[in-house]
């Protein structure tokens, strides 16, 4: 029985190979069309409200999205600018976190607790200055201080 199935498959495959080119082209077109339709069905949910927060080299996007069942949820995206050596244009590394309404209270409570702990340990926290590519370039051009050279890697090696 197994052999018979494989033989039928081989015969069908041979028939397909002998089809005129127009038919094969039509089949390819239909396959690509069906793949495109599947991708369209899997597209990202609609964004109903959005806010971005710039923080240094990072940008945080806070998007409220609507799910298929009409529920709203929060999508937090961290976008970090990366520029590898030898590349002209920078690339962006992205990470996403989905937060659903039933988790808002617990998440907010945990976030406030952790931020409170950090503030109690560090005291006042200064805001980060606005990031610009020029500032980064100036920082890279600064000469390394003699004291830093003596300390070595992270001050461990002398």
N, C-alpha and C. Protein backbone atom coordinates (compact mmCIF):
# COMPACT_ATOMS: atom_id res chain seq x y z
N UNK A 1 0.83 -1.19 0.00
CA UNK A 1 0.00 0.00 0.00
C UNK A 1 0.87 1.25 0.00
N UNK A 2 1.91 1.29 0.86
CA UNK A 2 2.80 2.44 0.93
C UNK A 2 3.47 2.67 -0.43
N UNK A 3 3.90 1.58 -1.05
CA UNK A 3 4.57 1.66 -2.35
C UNK A 3 3.62 2.22 -3.41
N UNK A 4 2.38 1.79 -3.35
CA UNK A 4 1.38 2.24 -4.32
C UNK A 4 1.16 3.74 -4.20
N UNK A 5 1.12 4.25 -2.97
CA UNK A 5 0.93 5.70 -2.78
C UNK A 5 2.09 6.47 -3.39
N UNK A 6 3.31 6.01 -3.12
CA UNK A 6 4.48 6.70 -3.66
C UNK A 6 4.51 6.65 -5.18
N UNK A 7 4.07 5.53 -5.74
CA UNK A 7 4.05 5.40 -7.20
C UNK A 7 3.02 6.36 -7.79
N UNK A 8 1.85 6.47 -7.15
CA UNK A 8 0.83 7.40 -7.61
C UNK A 8 1.34 8.83 -7.54
N UNK A 9 2.05 9.15 -6.47
CA UNK A 9 2.63 10.48 -6.32
C UNK A 9 3.62 10.75 -7.45
N UNK A 10 4.47 9.77 -7.73
CA UNK A 10 5.48 9.93 -8.79
C UNK A 10 4.80 10.13 -10.14
N UNK A 11 3.72 9.40 -10.40
CA UNK A 11 3.00 9.56 -11.66
C UNK A 11 2.37 10.96 -11.74
N UNK A 12 1.80 11.41 -10.65
CA UNK A 12 1.20 12.75 -10.63
C UNK A 12 2.26 13.82 -10.85
N UNK A 13 3.41 13.64 -10.24
CA UNK A 13 4.49 14.60 -10.37
C UNK A 13 4.98 14.66 -11.82
N UNK A 14 5.08 13.50 -12.45
CA UNK A 14 5.51 13.45 -13.87
C UNK A 14 4.50 14.18 -14.75
N UNK A 15 3.20 14.03 -14.44
CA UNK A 15 2.19 14.73 -15.22
C UNK A 15 2.33 16.25 -15.08
N UNK A 16 2.61 16.69 -13.86
CA UNK A 16 2.78 18.12 -13.62
C UNK A 16 3.97 18.66 -14.41
N UNK A 17 5.04 17.88 -14.45
CA UNK A 17 6.22 18.32 -15.18
C UNK A 17 5.97 18.43 -16.68
N UNK A 18 5.03 17.68 -17.19
CA UNK A 18 4.74 17.71 -18.62
C UNK A 18 3.68 18.75 -18.99
N UNK A 19 3.12 19.47 -17.98
CA UNK A 19 2.14 20.52 -18.28
C UNK A 19 2.79 21.61 -19.13
N UNK A 20 2.00 22.27 -19.93
CA UNK A 20 2.54 23.41 -20.69
C UNK A 20 3.02 24.50 -19.71
N UNK A 21 3.96 25.33 -20.15
CA UNK A 21 4.55 26.36 -19.29
C UNK A 21 3.50 27.32 -18.75
N UNK A 22 2.48 27.63 -19.53
CA UNK A 22 1.46 28.58 -19.08
C UNK A 22 0.72 28.05 -17.85
N UNK A 23 0.45 26.78 -17.82
CA UNK A 23 -0.26 26.18 -16.70
C UNK A 23 0.63 26.23 -15.45
N UNK A 24 1.91 25.89 -15.61
CA UNK A 24 2.83 25.90 -14.48
C UNK A 24 2.97 27.33 -13.95
N UNK A 25 3.06 28.31 -14.84
CA UNK A 25 3.14 29.70 -14.44
C UNK A 25 1.89 30.12 -13.68
N UNK A 26 0.73 29.68 -14.13
CA UNK A 26 -0.52 29.98 -13.43
C UNK A 26 -0.52 29.36 -12.04
N UNK A 27 -0.02 28.13 -11.94
CA UNK A 27 0.05 27.49 -10.63
C UNK A 27 0.96 28.27 -9.69
N UNK A 28 2.10 28.71 -10.17
CA UNK A 28 3.01 29.51 -9.34
C UNK A 28 2.34 30.80 -8.90
N UNK A 29 1.64 31.44 -9.83
CA UNK A 29 0.93 32.67 -9.51
C UNK A 29 -0.10 32.42 -8.40
N UNK A 30 -0.87 31.35 -8.53
CA UNK A 30 -1.89 31.04 -7.53
C UNK A 30 -1.26 30.73 -6.17
N UNK A 31 -0.14 30.01 -6.16
CA UNK A 31 0.55 29.72 -4.90
C UNK A 31 1.02 31.00 -4.23
N UNK A 32 1.63 31.91 -5.00
CA UNK A 32 2.09 33.18 -4.44
C UNK A 32 0.91 34.01 -3.94
N UNK A 33 -0.19 33.99 -4.68
CA UNK A 33 -1.38 34.74 -4.28
C UNK A 33 -1.92 34.21 -2.96
N UNK A 34 -1.97 32.87 -2.81
CA UNK A 34 -2.47 32.27 -1.58
C UNK A 34 -1.54 32.59 -0.41
N UNK A 35 -0.22 32.60 -0.63
CA UNK A 35 0.73 32.96 0.43
C UNK A 35 0.52 34.40 0.86
N UNK A 36 0.30 35.28 -0.11
CA UNK A 36 0.07 36.69 0.21
C UNK A 36 -1.20 36.86 1.03
N UNK A 37 -2.25 36.14 0.68
CA UNK A 37 -3.50 36.22 1.43
C UNK A 37 -3.30 35.74 2.87
N UNK A 38 -2.52 34.68 3.06
CA UNK A 38 -2.24 34.19 4.41
C UNK A 38 -1.47 35.22 5.22
N UNK A 39 -0.50 35.90 4.60
CA UNK A 39 0.26 36.93 5.29
C UNK A 39 -0.65 38.08 5.69
N UNK A 40 -1.57 38.46 4.81
CA UNK A 40 -2.50 39.54 5.12
C UNK A 40 -3.37 39.19 6.32
N UNK A 41 -3.75 37.93 6.45
CA UNK A 41 -4.57 37.50 7.58
C UNK A 41 -3.78 37.57 8.88
N UNK A 42 -2.45 37.41 8.80
CA UNK A 42 -1.61 37.39 10.00
C UNK A 42 -1.04 38.77 10.32
N UNK A 43 -1.49 39.81 9.67
CA UNK A 43 -0.90 41.13 9.91
C UNK A 43 -1.15 41.59 11.34
N UNK A 44 -0.37 42.58 11.75
CA UNK A 44 -0.45 43.05 13.13
C UNK A 44 -1.79 43.73 13.40
N UNK A 45 -2.25 43.62 14.63
CA UNK A 45 -3.52 44.26 15.01
C UNK A 45 -3.46 45.78 14.88
N UNK A 46 -4.62 46.38 14.76
CA UNK A 46 -4.74 47.82 14.57
C UNK A 46 -4.27 48.57 15.81
N UNK A 47 -3.50 49.64 15.59
CA UNK A 47 -3.05 50.50 16.69
C UNK A 47 -4.08 51.62 16.83
N UNK A 48 -4.68 51.74 18.03
CA UNK A 48 -5.72 52.75 18.24
C UNK A 48 -5.19 53.98 18.96
N UNK A 49 -4.06 53.86 19.64
CA UNK A 49 -3.45 54.99 20.33
C UNK A 49 -1.97 54.67 20.49
N UNK A 50 -1.12 55.69 20.35
CA UNK A 50 0.31 55.44 20.44
C UNK A 50 1.03 56.64 21.04
N UNK A 51 2.10 56.34 21.74
CA UNK A 51 2.96 57.39 22.30
C UNK A 51 4.38 56.87 22.28
N UNK A 52 5.33 57.75 21.96
CA UNK A 52 6.72 57.34 21.96
C UNK A 52 7.47 58.11 23.03
N UNK A 53 8.46 57.45 23.64
CA UNK A 53 9.27 58.05 24.69
C UNK A 53 10.73 57.88 24.28
N UNK A 54 11.42 59.00 24.05
CA UNK A 54 12.83 58.94 23.67
C UNK A 54 13.67 58.94 24.93
N UNK A 55 14.62 58.01 24.98
CA UNK A 55 15.51 57.89 26.15
C UNK A 55 16.89 57.48 25.66
N UNK A 56 17.76 58.46 25.43
CA UNK A 56 19.10 58.15 24.94
C UNK A 56 19.03 57.55 23.56
N UNK A 57 19.73 56.43 23.37
CA UNK A 57 19.72 55.75 22.07
C UNK A 57 18.46 54.93 21.87
N UNK A 58 17.66 54.83 22.90
CA UNK A 58 16.46 54.00 22.82
C UNK A 58 15.21 54.85 22.62
N UNK A 59 14.24 54.24 21.97
CA UNK A 59 12.92 54.84 21.88
C UNK A 59 11.94 53.76 22.32
N UNK A 60 11.05 54.13 23.23
CA UNK A 60 10.02 53.19 23.70
C UNK A 60 8.71 53.62 23.06
N UNK A 61 8.06 52.66 22.39
CA UNK A 61 6.76 52.92 21.79
C UNK A 61 5.71 52.24 22.66
N UNK A 62 4.74 53.01 23.11
CA UNK A 62 3.64 52.49 23.91
C UNK A 62 2.41 52.51 23.01
N UNK A 63 2.05 51.36 22.48
CA UNK A 63 0.94 51.26 21.53
C UNK A 63 -0.24 50.53 22.16
N UNK A 64 -1.41 51.14 22.06
CA UNK A 64 -2.65 50.46 22.46
C UNK A 64 -3.19 49.82 21.20
N UNK A 65 -3.35 48.52 21.23
CA UNK A 65 -3.81 47.78 20.04
C UNK A 65 -5.15 47.12 20.32
N UNK A 66 -5.86 46.87 19.23
CA UNK A 66 -7.17 46.22 19.33
C UNK A 66 -7.03 44.78 18.82
N UNK A 67 -7.38 43.83 19.67
CA UNK A 67 -7.32 42.42 19.31
C UNK A 67 -8.52 42.05 18.45
N UNK A 68 -8.50 40.86 17.90
CA UNK A 68 -9.61 40.40 17.06
C UNK A 68 -10.95 40.40 17.79
N UNK A 69 -10.89 40.13 19.09
CA UNK A 69 -12.13 40.07 19.88
C UNK A 69 -12.53 41.45 20.41
N UNK A 70 -11.93 42.52 19.84
CA UNK A 70 -12.23 43.92 20.18
C UNK A 70 -11.65 44.36 21.54
N UNK A 71 -10.90 43.49 22.22
CA UNK A 71 -10.23 43.88 23.47
C UNK A 71 -9.05 44.78 23.15
N UNK A 72 -8.70 45.64 24.08
CA UNK A 72 -7.53 46.49 23.94
C UNK A 72 -6.40 45.95 24.82
N UNK A 73 -5.18 46.08 24.34
CA UNK A 73 -4.02 45.67 25.13
C UNK A 73 -2.86 46.60 24.81
N UNK A 74 -1.83 46.55 25.65
CA UNK A 74 -0.68 47.43 25.51
C UNK A 74 0.49 46.65 24.92
N UNK A 75 1.12 47.25 23.93
CA UNK A 75 2.32 46.68 23.33
C UNK A 75 3.44 47.68 23.56
N UNK A 76 4.46 47.28 24.33
CA UNK A 76 5.61 48.14 24.60
C UNK A 76 6.75 47.64 23.72
N UNK A 77 7.27 48.53 22.88
CA UNK A 77 8.37 48.17 21.98
C UNK A 77 9.58 49.02 22.32
N UNK A 78 10.69 48.35 22.56
CA UNK A 78 11.95 49.05 22.77
C UNK A 78 12.71 48.98 21.45
N UNK A 79 13.09 50.12 20.93
CA UNK A 79 13.85 50.19 19.69
C UNK A 79 15.20 50.81 20.02
N UNK A 80 16.26 50.06 19.80
CA UNK A 80 17.60 50.53 20.15
C UNK A 80 18.43 50.67 18.88
N UNK A 81 19.02 51.83 18.72
CA UNK A 81 19.82 52.14 17.53
C UNK A 81 21.17 51.43 17.63
N UNK A 82 21.52 50.71 16.58
CA UNK A 82 22.81 50.01 16.51
C UNK A 82 23.48 50.39 15.20
N UNK A 83 24.77 50.67 15.26
CA UNK A 83 25.51 50.91 14.03
C UNK A 83 26.80 50.11 14.11
N UNK A 84 26.82 49.04 13.34
CA UNK A 84 27.99 48.19 13.32
C UNK A 84 29.08 48.84 12.47
N UNK A 85 30.31 48.51 12.78
CA UNK A 85 31.43 49.06 12.01
C UNK A 85 31.33 48.61 10.56
N UNK A 86 31.58 49.54 9.66
CA UNK A 86 31.54 49.21 8.24
C UNK A 86 30.16 49.40 7.62
N UNK A 87 29.14 49.61 8.43
CA UNK A 87 27.80 49.83 7.90
C UNK A 87 27.54 51.33 7.79
N UNK A 88 26.95 51.73 6.68
CA UNK A 88 26.64 53.14 6.50
C UNK A 88 25.41 53.55 7.28
N UNK A 89 24.35 52.79 7.12
CA UNK A 89 23.08 53.12 7.77
C UNK A 89 22.94 52.35 9.07
N UNK A 90 22.41 52.99 10.10
CA UNK A 90 22.21 52.27 11.36
C UNK A 90 21.07 51.28 11.26
N UNK A 91 21.10 50.26 12.09
CA UNK A 91 19.99 49.31 12.17
C UNK A 91 19.34 49.48 13.53
N UNK A 92 18.17 48.93 13.67
CA UNK A 92 17.44 49.06 14.93
C UNK A 92 17.10 47.68 15.47
N UNK A 93 17.44 47.46 16.72
CA UNK A 93 17.13 46.21 17.40
C UNK A 93 15.83 46.45 18.16
N UNK A 94 14.85 45.58 17.96
CA UNK A 94 13.55 45.81 18.60
C UNK A 94 13.16 44.63 19.49
N UNK A 95 12.56 44.98 20.63
CA UNK A 95 12.02 43.99 21.56
C UNK A 95 10.60 44.41 21.90
N UNK A 96 9.70 43.44 21.96
CA UNK A 96 8.31 43.76 22.25
C UNK A 96 7.83 43.05 23.51
N UNK A 97 6.95 43.74 24.22
CA UNK A 97 6.32 43.20 25.42
C UNK A 97 4.83 43.47 25.30
N UNK A 98 4.03 42.43 25.41
CA UNK A 98 2.58 42.58 25.33
C UNK A 98 2.00 42.50 26.74
N UNK A 99 1.20 43.48 27.09
CA UNK A 99 0.62 43.56 28.43
C UNK A 99 -0.90 43.62 28.29
N UNK A 100 -1.58 42.65 28.85
CA UNK A 100 -3.04 42.54 28.72
C UNK A 100 -3.73 43.13 29.94
N UNK A 101 -4.97 43.57 29.74
CA UNK A 101 -5.70 44.35 30.75
C UNK A 101 -5.78 43.64 32.10
N UNK A 102 -5.88 42.33 32.10
CA UNK A 102 -6.00 41.62 33.37
C UNK A 102 -4.69 41.64 34.18
N UNK A 103 -3.59 42.04 33.53
CA UNK A 103 -2.30 42.09 34.22
C UNK A 103 -1.88 43.52 34.57
N UNK A 104 -2.65 44.53 34.18
CA UNK A 104 -2.27 45.93 34.41
C UNK A 104 -1.99 46.23 35.88
N UNK A 105 -2.89 45.84 36.77
CA UNK A 105 -2.76 46.17 38.19
C UNK A 105 -1.48 45.57 38.78
N UNK A 106 -1.25 44.28 38.51
CA UNK A 106 -0.06 43.61 39.06
C UNK A 106 1.22 44.21 38.47
N UNK A 107 1.20 44.49 37.17
CA UNK A 107 2.37 45.06 36.52
C UNK A 107 2.69 46.45 37.07
N UNK A 108 1.66 47.28 37.20
CA UNK A 108 1.85 48.65 37.71
C UNK A 108 2.37 48.61 39.14
N UNK A 109 1.81 47.73 39.96
CA UNK A 109 2.26 47.60 41.35
C UNK A 109 3.73 47.18 41.41
N UNK A 110 4.09 46.19 40.61
CA UNK A 110 5.48 45.71 40.59
C UNK A 110 6.43 46.77 40.07
N UNK A 111 6.03 47.49 39.03
CA UNK A 111 6.87 48.54 38.46
C UNK A 111 7.10 49.67 39.47
N UNK A 112 6.05 50.10 40.14
CA UNK A 112 6.17 51.16 41.14
C UNK A 112 7.07 50.71 42.30
N UNK A 113 6.93 49.46 42.71
CA UNK A 113 7.75 48.93 43.81
C UNK A 113 9.23 48.95 43.42
N UNK A 114 9.54 48.47 42.23
CA UNK A 114 10.93 48.40 41.78
C UNK A 114 11.52 49.80 41.60
N UNK A 115 10.76 50.72 41.02
CA UNK A 115 11.24 52.10 40.85
C UNK A 115 11.47 52.75 42.21
N UNK A 116 10.56 52.53 43.16
CA UNK A 116 10.72 53.05 44.52
C UNK A 116 11.98 52.53 45.19
N UNK A 117 12.27 51.25 45.01
CA UNK A 117 13.47 50.64 45.59
C UNK A 117 14.72 51.30 45.01
N UNK A 118 14.75 51.44 43.69
CA UNK A 118 15.92 52.04 43.03
C UNK A 118 16.12 53.48 43.52
N UNK A 119 15.03 54.24 43.63
CA UNK A 119 15.14 55.62 44.09
C UNK A 119 15.62 55.68 45.54
N UNK A 120 15.17 54.76 46.39
CA UNK A 120 15.62 54.77 47.79
C UNK A 120 17.10 54.41 47.89
N UNK A 121 17.60 53.58 46.98
CA UNK A 121 19.00 53.18 47.01
C UNK A 121 19.92 54.26 46.42
N UNK A 122 19.45 54.95 45.37
CA UNK A 122 20.30 55.91 44.68
C UNK A 122 20.02 57.36 45.04
N UNK A 123 18.94 57.62 45.72
CA UNK A 123 18.57 59.00 46.02
C UNK A 123 17.96 59.64 44.79
N UNK A 124 18.31 60.88 44.54
CA UNK A 124 17.75 61.55 43.38
C UNK A 124 18.40 61.02 42.11
N UNK A 125 17.60 60.85 41.10
CA UNK A 125 18.07 60.34 39.83
C UNK A 125 17.99 61.46 38.80
N UNK A 126 19.14 61.78 38.20
CA UNK A 126 19.16 62.83 37.19
C UNK A 126 18.61 62.30 35.88
N UNK A 127 17.89 63.18 35.17
CA UNK A 127 17.38 62.78 33.87
C UNK A 127 18.52 62.71 32.88
N UNK A 128 18.40 61.81 31.94
CA UNK A 128 19.40 61.63 30.91
C UNK A 128 19.29 62.78 29.91
N UNK A 129 20.43 63.35 29.49
CA UNK A 129 20.35 64.40 28.47
C UNK A 129 19.89 63.81 27.14
N UNK A 130 19.30 64.63 26.31
CA UNK A 130 18.79 64.18 25.01
C UNK A 130 19.95 63.65 24.17
N UNK A 131 19.77 62.50 23.55
CA UNK A 131 20.82 61.88 22.75
C UNK A 131 20.85 62.47 21.36
N UNK A 132 22.06 62.73 20.88
CA UNK A 132 22.26 63.17 19.50
C UNK A 132 23.48 62.45 18.94
N UNK A 133 23.51 62.17 17.65
CA UNK A 133 24.69 61.50 17.08
C UNK A 133 25.96 62.32 17.25
N UNK A 134 25.83 63.65 17.22
CA UNK A 134 27.00 64.52 17.36
C UNK A 134 27.63 64.34 18.75
N UNK A 135 26.80 64.27 19.77
CA UNK A 135 27.30 64.10 21.14
C UNK A 135 28.04 62.77 21.28
N UNK A 136 27.53 61.74 20.64
CA UNK A 136 28.18 60.43 20.70
C UNK A 136 29.54 60.48 20.01
N UNK A 137 29.61 61.18 18.89
CA UNK A 137 30.86 61.28 18.17
C UNK A 137 31.89 62.06 18.99
N UNK A 138 31.48 63.15 19.64
CA UNK A 138 32.38 63.93 20.48
C UNK A 138 32.91 63.08 21.63
N UNK A 139 32.02 62.26 22.22
CA UNK A 139 32.41 61.38 23.34
C UNK A 139 33.46 60.38 22.89
N UNK A 140 33.30 59.85 21.68
CA UNK A 140 34.26 58.86 21.16
C UNK A 140 35.60 59.51 20.85
N UNK A 141 35.61 60.81 20.50
CA UNK A 141 36.84 61.50 20.15
C UNK A 141 37.63 61.99 21.36
N UNK A 142 37.01 62.00 22.55
CA UNK A 142 37.70 62.47 23.75
C UNK A 142 38.91 61.60 24.03
N UNK A 143 40.03 62.22 24.43
CA UNK A 143 41.20 61.40 24.77
C UNK A 143 40.95 60.63 26.07
N UNK A 144 41.52 59.44 26.15
CA UNK A 144 41.37 58.62 27.35
C UNK A 144 42.28 59.18 28.43
N UNK A 145 41.72 59.38 29.62
CA UNK A 145 42.49 59.95 30.71
C UNK A 145 43.55 58.96 31.18
N UNK A 146 44.67 59.50 31.67
CA UNK A 146 45.80 58.69 32.13
C UNK A 146 45.37 57.76 33.27
N UNK A 147 44.52 58.26 34.17
CA UNK A 147 44.05 57.48 35.31
C UNK A 147 43.28 56.24 34.83
N UNK A 148 42.45 56.42 33.80
CA UNK A 148 41.67 55.31 33.26
C UNK A 148 42.58 54.27 32.64
N UNK A 149 43.63 54.73 31.96
CA UNK A 149 44.57 53.79 31.35
C UNK A 149 45.25 52.93 32.41
N UNK A 150 45.59 53.54 33.55
CA UNK A 150 46.27 52.80 34.62
C UNK A 150 45.37 51.74 35.23
N UNK A 151 44.08 52.07 35.38
CA UNK A 151 43.15 51.13 36.03
C UNK A 151 42.92 49.90 35.18
N UNK A 152 42.94 50.04 33.86
CA UNK A 152 42.69 48.90 33.01
C UNK A 152 41.21 48.61 32.89
N UNK A 153 40.91 47.40 32.53
CA UNK A 153 39.53 46.99 32.29
C UNK A 153 38.72 47.03 33.57
N UNK A 154 37.76 47.94 33.65
CA UNK A 154 36.85 48.09 34.77
C UNK A 154 37.56 48.30 36.10
N UNK A 155 38.79 48.73 36.07
CA UNK A 155 39.51 49.01 37.30
C UNK A 155 39.98 47.77 38.02
N UNK A 156 39.87 46.59 37.40
CA UNK A 156 40.27 45.36 38.09
C UNK A 156 41.75 45.09 37.87
N UNK A 157 42.20 45.29 36.65
CA UNK A 157 43.58 45.00 36.32
C UNK A 157 44.42 46.27 36.43
N UNK A 158 45.58 46.15 36.98
CA UNK A 158 46.47 47.32 37.11
C UNK A 158 47.77 47.06 36.42
